[in-house]
Amino acid sequence: MQQQGFGSRKECRQLIEAGLVLVDGEEPADYRQAVEPASVGELVVDGEIWEPVALPLYLMMHKPAGYETSHKPMHHPSVFSLLPWQFSMMDISAVGRLDVDTTGLLLFTTDGRFVHALTSPRRHVPKCYEILLKHPVDEAFAAHLKKGVFLRDDNERVAADAVELVDEITVRMTISQGKYHQVKRMVAAAGNRVSELHRLAFGELELGSLEEGQWRHLSGAERGAFGF
């Protein structure tokens, strides 16, 4: 129960002893009883059915605009509020961040190794974004980004791995660095501005048809693509 995020050990014991927990229709005989999540067909807590989850968690969300990637948001709702409440009791973290106005693929996990593996500058994990621009562009703009630009207050040239023109105000750009506000800063350095930003892919993992605001568990094959 504690591993499933239903509170502290004491709080979970109180739920069980009050008869508010049913495992496959039966009240546990002893609060110390060990149960594997995979062996549970149905878990009911205080009258509500919950799907037991195996730890560690690996999740993908289609982040909507207007949410902060923070457990302690300042001006907007937390993106963590879109996940089941008990997940917040499992020390879950976002894998990197997306700005309040940025949408698209956002990963979450309770595995610190997974966060490090995907965000470490040494790994160069590619991320693909679709960018709606303020002003029309042509192939010269794409070539500029692929050749590299100097970001403001940064003396290092940063280049896109790939840039595709979708139409005159929309491009898809893949980067493998992880600098602060990198896409927006690169576009600005190339002489334009970002109107909307949407992440399509993280490594080999694509957002696909996941609806905005929805989330799902990563499959074993998807985790395997990252070595997990």
Protein backbone atom coordinates (compact mmCIF):
# COMPACT_ATOMS: atom_id res chain seq x y z
CA MET A 1 0.00 0.00 0.00
CA GLN A 2 2.79 2.38 0.89
CA GLN A 3 4.61 1.52 -2.34
CA GLN A 4 1.39 2.23 -4.25
CA GLY A 5 1.35 5.77 -2.89
CA PHE A 6 -1.53 5.59 -0.43
CA GLY A 7 0.35 7.29 2.39
CA SER A 8 2.81 6.50 5.12
CA ARG A 9 3.14 3.03 6.65
CA LYS A 10 0.97 4.13 9.57
CA GLU A 11 -1.70 5.64 7.31
CA CYS A 12 -1.83 2.48 5.17
CA ARG A 13 -2.14 0.32 8.28
CA GLN A 14 -5.07 2.44 9.44
CA LEU A 15 -6.82 2.03 6.06
CA ILE A 16 -6.41 -1.75 6.23
CA GLU A 17 -7.47 -2.09 9.86
CA ALA A 18 -10.54 0.07 9.17
CA GLY A 19 -11.64 -2.41 6.51
CA LEU A 20 -11.25 0.12 3.70
CA VAL A 21 -8.95 -2.06 1.58
CA LEU A 22 -10.05 -5.01 -0.54
CA VAL A 23 -7.64 -7.18 -2.50
CA ASP A 24 -9.53 -9.22 -5.08
CA GLY A 25 -12.68 -8.75 -3.05
CA GLU A 26 -11.17 -9.82 0.28
CA GLU A 27 -9.98 -7.82 3.27
CA PRO A 28 -6.30 -8.54 4.04
CA ALA A 29 -5.98 -10.74 7.12
CA ASP A 30 -2.88 -8.88 8.29
CA TYR A 31 -1.57 -5.42 7.36
CA ARG A 32 1.93 -6.96 7.13
CA GLN A 33 0.81 -9.37 4.40
CA ALA A 34 3.09 -9.12 1.34
CA VAL A 35 1.34 -8.94 -2.03
CA GLU A 36 2.94 -8.59 -5.47
CA PRO A 37 1.18 -5.89 -7.55
CA ALA A 38 1.19 -8.15 -10.64
CA SER A 39 -0.78 -10.82 -8.75
CA VAL A 40 -3.64 -8.46 -7.82
CA GLY A 41 -6.67 -8.53 -10.08
CA GLU A 42 -8.56 -5.74 -8.31
CA LEU A 43 -7.56 -3.30 -5.57
CA VAL A 44 -10.29 -1.27 -3.87
CA VAL A 45 -9.34 1.53 -1.46
CA ASP A 46 -12.11 3.38 0.38
CA GLY A 47 -14.66 2.27 -2.22
CA GLU A 48 -12.58 3.29 -5.25
CA ILE A 49 -11.01 0.83 -7.66
CA TRP A 50 -7.28 1.30 -8.33
CA GLU A 51 -5.03 -0.44 -10.82
CA PRO A 52 -1.92 -1.67 -8.96
CA VAL A 53 1.30 -0.46 -10.57
CA ALA A 54 4.72 -2.06 -10.66
CA LEU A 55 7.63 0.12 -9.61
CA PRO A 56 9.61 1.88 -10.85
CA LEU A 57 7.16 3.95 -12.89
CA TYR A 58 7.92 5.01 -16.47
CA LEU A 59 5.24 7.25 -17.95
CA MET A 60 4.60 9.35 -21.05
CA MET A 61 2.23 12.33 -21.11
CA HIS A 62 0.94 14.61 -23.84
CA LYS A 63 1.50 17.83 -21.92
CA PRO A 64 -1.01 20.60 -22.62
CA ALA A 65 -0.19 24.30 -22.54
CA GLY A 66 -0.75 26.20 -19.30
CA TYR A 67 0.94 23.74 -16.91
CA GLU A 68 4.26 24.12 -15.09
CA THR A 69 6.66 21.15 -14.96
CA SER A 70 7.09 21.53 -11.21
CA HIS A 71 5.84 20.01 -7.96
CA LYS A 72 5.67 23.57 -6.60
CA PRO A 73 4.23 25.72 -9.41
CA MET A 74 4.33 29.49 -9.12
CA HIS A 75 1.71 30.85 -11.53
CA HIS A 76 0.00 27.89 -13.25
CA PRO A 77 -1.25 24.42 -12.29
CA SER A 78 1.33 21.67 -11.90
CA VAL A 79 1.58 19.11 -14.68
CA PHE A 80 1.75 16.51 -11.90
CA SER A 81 -1.90 17.31 -11.11
CA LEU A 82 -2.79 15.51 -14.35
CA LEU A 83 -1.46 12.23 -12.92
CA PRO A 84 -3.22 10.02 -10.32
CA TRP A 85 -2.77 11.66 -6.93
CA GLN A 86 -1.01 8.70 -5.33
CA PHE A 87 1.83 8.93 -7.88
CA SER A 88 2.95 12.13 -6.15
CA MET A 89 3.60 10.02 -3.04
CA MET A 90 6.09 7.86 -4.98
CA ASP A 91 8.81 10.49 -5.49
CA ILE A 92 8.03 10.79 -9.19
CA SER A 93 9.99 13.23 -11.35
CA ALA A 94 9.70 14.66 -14.84
CA VAL A 95 12.52 13.78 -17.22
CA GLY A 96 13.61 17.32 -18.06
CA ARG A 97 11.10 20.13 -18.39
CA LEU A 98 8.75 21.70 -20.89
CA ASP A 99 7.87 25.40 -20.58
CA VAL A 100 4.37 26.46 -19.53
CA ASP A 101 3.41 27.26 -23.13
CA THR A 102 5.15 24.22 -24.66
CA THR A 103 3.10 21.10 -25.44
CA GLY A 104 3.89 17.53 -26.36
CA LEU A 105 5.84 14.54 -25.12
CA LEU A 106 6.89 14.66 -21.47
CA LEU A 107 8.29 11.67 -19.57
CA PHE A 108 7.98 10.85 -15.86
CA THR A 109 9.68 8.24 -13.71
CA THR A 110 10.50 7.18 -10.16
CA ASP A 111 13.86 5.85 -11.41
CA GLY A 112 16.68 8.37 -10.94
CA ARG A 113 18.95 6.38 -13.26
CA PHE A 114 16.43 6.85 -16.06
CA VAL A 115 16.38 10.62 -15.54
CA HIS A 116 20.17 10.79 -15.62
CA ALA A 117 20.48 8.55 -18.68
CA LEU A 118 18.06 10.66 -20.74
CA THR A 119 19.19 14.11 -19.61
CA SER A 120 22.95 13.73 -19.24
CA PRO A 121 24.79 15.94 -21.77
CA ARG A 122 27.10 13.00 -22.49
CA ARG A 123 24.26 10.85 -23.84
CA HIS A 124 23.13 13.26 -26.59
CA VAL A 125 19.58 11.88 -26.67
CA PRO A 126 17.79 13.52 -29.64
CA LYS A 127 14.52 15.41 -29.16
CA CYS A 128 12.29 16.46 -32.07
CA TYR A 129 10.12 19.60 -31.95
CA GLU A 130 7.53 21.10 -34.25
CA ILE A 131 7.87 24.88 -34.21
CA LEU A 132 5.33 27.46 -35.37
CA LEU A 133 7.28 30.59 -36.26
CA LYS A 134 6.40 34.26 -36.10
CA HIS A 135 7.76 35.05 -39.57
CA PRO A 136 7.97 33.02 -42.84
CA VAL A 137 11.21 31.17 -43.54
CA ASP A 138 12.94 29.33 -46.38
CA GLU A 139 15.67 26.74 -46.81
CA ALA A 140 18.30 29.31 -45.87
CA PHE A 141 16.81 29.47 -42.36
CA ALA A 142 16.99 25.67 -42.06
CA ALA A 143 20.58 25.68 -43.31
CA HIS A 144 21.48 28.35 -40.76
CA LEU A 145 20.18 26.22 -37.87
CA LYS A 146 21.95 23.10 -39.16
CA LYS A 147 25.21 25.00 -39.56
CA GLY A 148 24.90 26.35 -36.04
CA VAL A 149 24.17 29.57 -34.20
CA PHE A 150 25.73 31.35 -31.24
CA LEU A 151 23.24 31.69 -28.39
CA ARG A 152 23.08 34.92 -26.45
CA ASP A 153 25.50 34.88 -23.50
CA ASP A 154 27.04 31.65 -24.80
CA ASN A 155 30.23 31.48 -26.83
CA GLU A 156 29.62 27.94 -28.07
CA ARG A 157 28.10 27.30 -31.52
CA VAL A 158 24.99 25.09 -31.24
CA ALA A 159 23.67 23.26 -34.29
CA ALA A 160 20.48 21.34 -34.96
CA ASP A 161 20.81 17.67 -35.89
CA ALA A 162 18.07 18.05 -38.50
CA VAL A 163 15.65 20.73 -39.72
CA GLU A 164 12.65 20.09 -41.95
CA LEU A 165 10.43 22.81 -43.43
CA VAL A 166 6.79 21.78 -43.08
CA ASP A 167 5.49 25.01 -44.57
CA GLU A 168 6.65 28.63 -44.64
CA ILE A 169 6.00 29.20 -40.92
CA THR A 170 6.40 25.66 -39.53
CA VAL A 171 9.58 23.65 -39.09
CA ARG A 172 10.54 20.40 -37.38
CA MET A 173 13.88 20.53 -35.65
CA THR A 174 15.85 17.81 -33.87
CA ILE A 175 18.46 18.69 -31.25
CA SER A 176 20.57 16.48 -28.99
CA GLN A 177 21.80 19.06 -26.48
CA GLY A 178 19.83 20.20 -23.46
CA LYS A 179 20.51 23.87 -22.97
CA TYR A 180 18.07 26.16 -21.19
CA HIS A 181 15.27 27.28 -23.57
CA GLN A 182 17.46 26.00 -26.38
CA VAL A 183 14.91 25.83 -29.21
CA LYS A 184 13.57 29.31 -28.58
CA ARG A 185 17.08 30.74 -28.26
CA MET A 186 18.28 29.03 -31.43
CA VAL A 187 15.33 30.34 -33.42
CA ALA A 188 15.94 33.86 -32.03
CA ALA A 189 19.65 33.64 -32.92
CA ALA A 190 18.64 32.69 -36.47
CA GLY A 191 16.48 35.83 -36.75
CA ASN A 192 12.96 34.61 -35.97
CA ARG A 193 10.63 33.95 -33.02
CA VAL A 194 8.73 30.93 -31.74
CA SER A 195 4.96 31.32 -31.60
CA GLU A 196 4.18 27.73 -30.56
CA LEU A 197 6.41 24.83 -29.57
CA HIS A 198 5.45 21.15 -29.51
CA ARG A 199 7.68 18.16 -28.72
CA LEU A 200 7.03 15.21 -31.02
CA ALA A 201 9.69 12.72 -29.94
CA PHE A 202 12.26 11.92 -27.26
CA GLY A 203 14.90 9.53 -28.57
CA GLU A 204 13.08 6.81 -30.50
CA LEU A 205 9.93 7.39 -28.47
CA GLU A 206 7.19 9.24 -30.37
CA LEU A 207 4.10 10.94 -28.94
CA GLY A 208 1.84 9.27 -31.48
CA SER A 209 -1.92 9.51 -30.99
CA LEU A 210 -1.90 10.16 -27.23
CA GLU A 211 -4.51 12.84 -26.55
CA GLU A 212 -3.59 16.15 -24.95
CA GLY A 213 -3.60 15.88 -21.18
CA GLN A 214 -3.55 12.08 -21.25
CA TRP A 215 -0.78 9.75 -20.00
CA ARG A 216 0.21 6.10 -20.25
CA HIS A 217 2.85 3.65 -19.02
CA LEU A 218 5.84 2.98 -21.26
CA SER A 219 5.99 -0.55 -22.64
CA GLY A 220 8.90 -2.87 -22.01
CA ALA A 221 10.06 -2.37 -25.59
CA GLU A 222 9.95 1.41 -25.21
CA ARG A 223 11.98 1.27 -22.01
CA GLY A 224 14.36 -1.14 -23.69
CA ALA A 225 15.12 1.41 -26.41
CA PHE A 226 16.69 3.52 -23.64
CA GLY A 227 18.41 0.55 -22.01
CA PHE A 228 15.82 0.06 -19.26
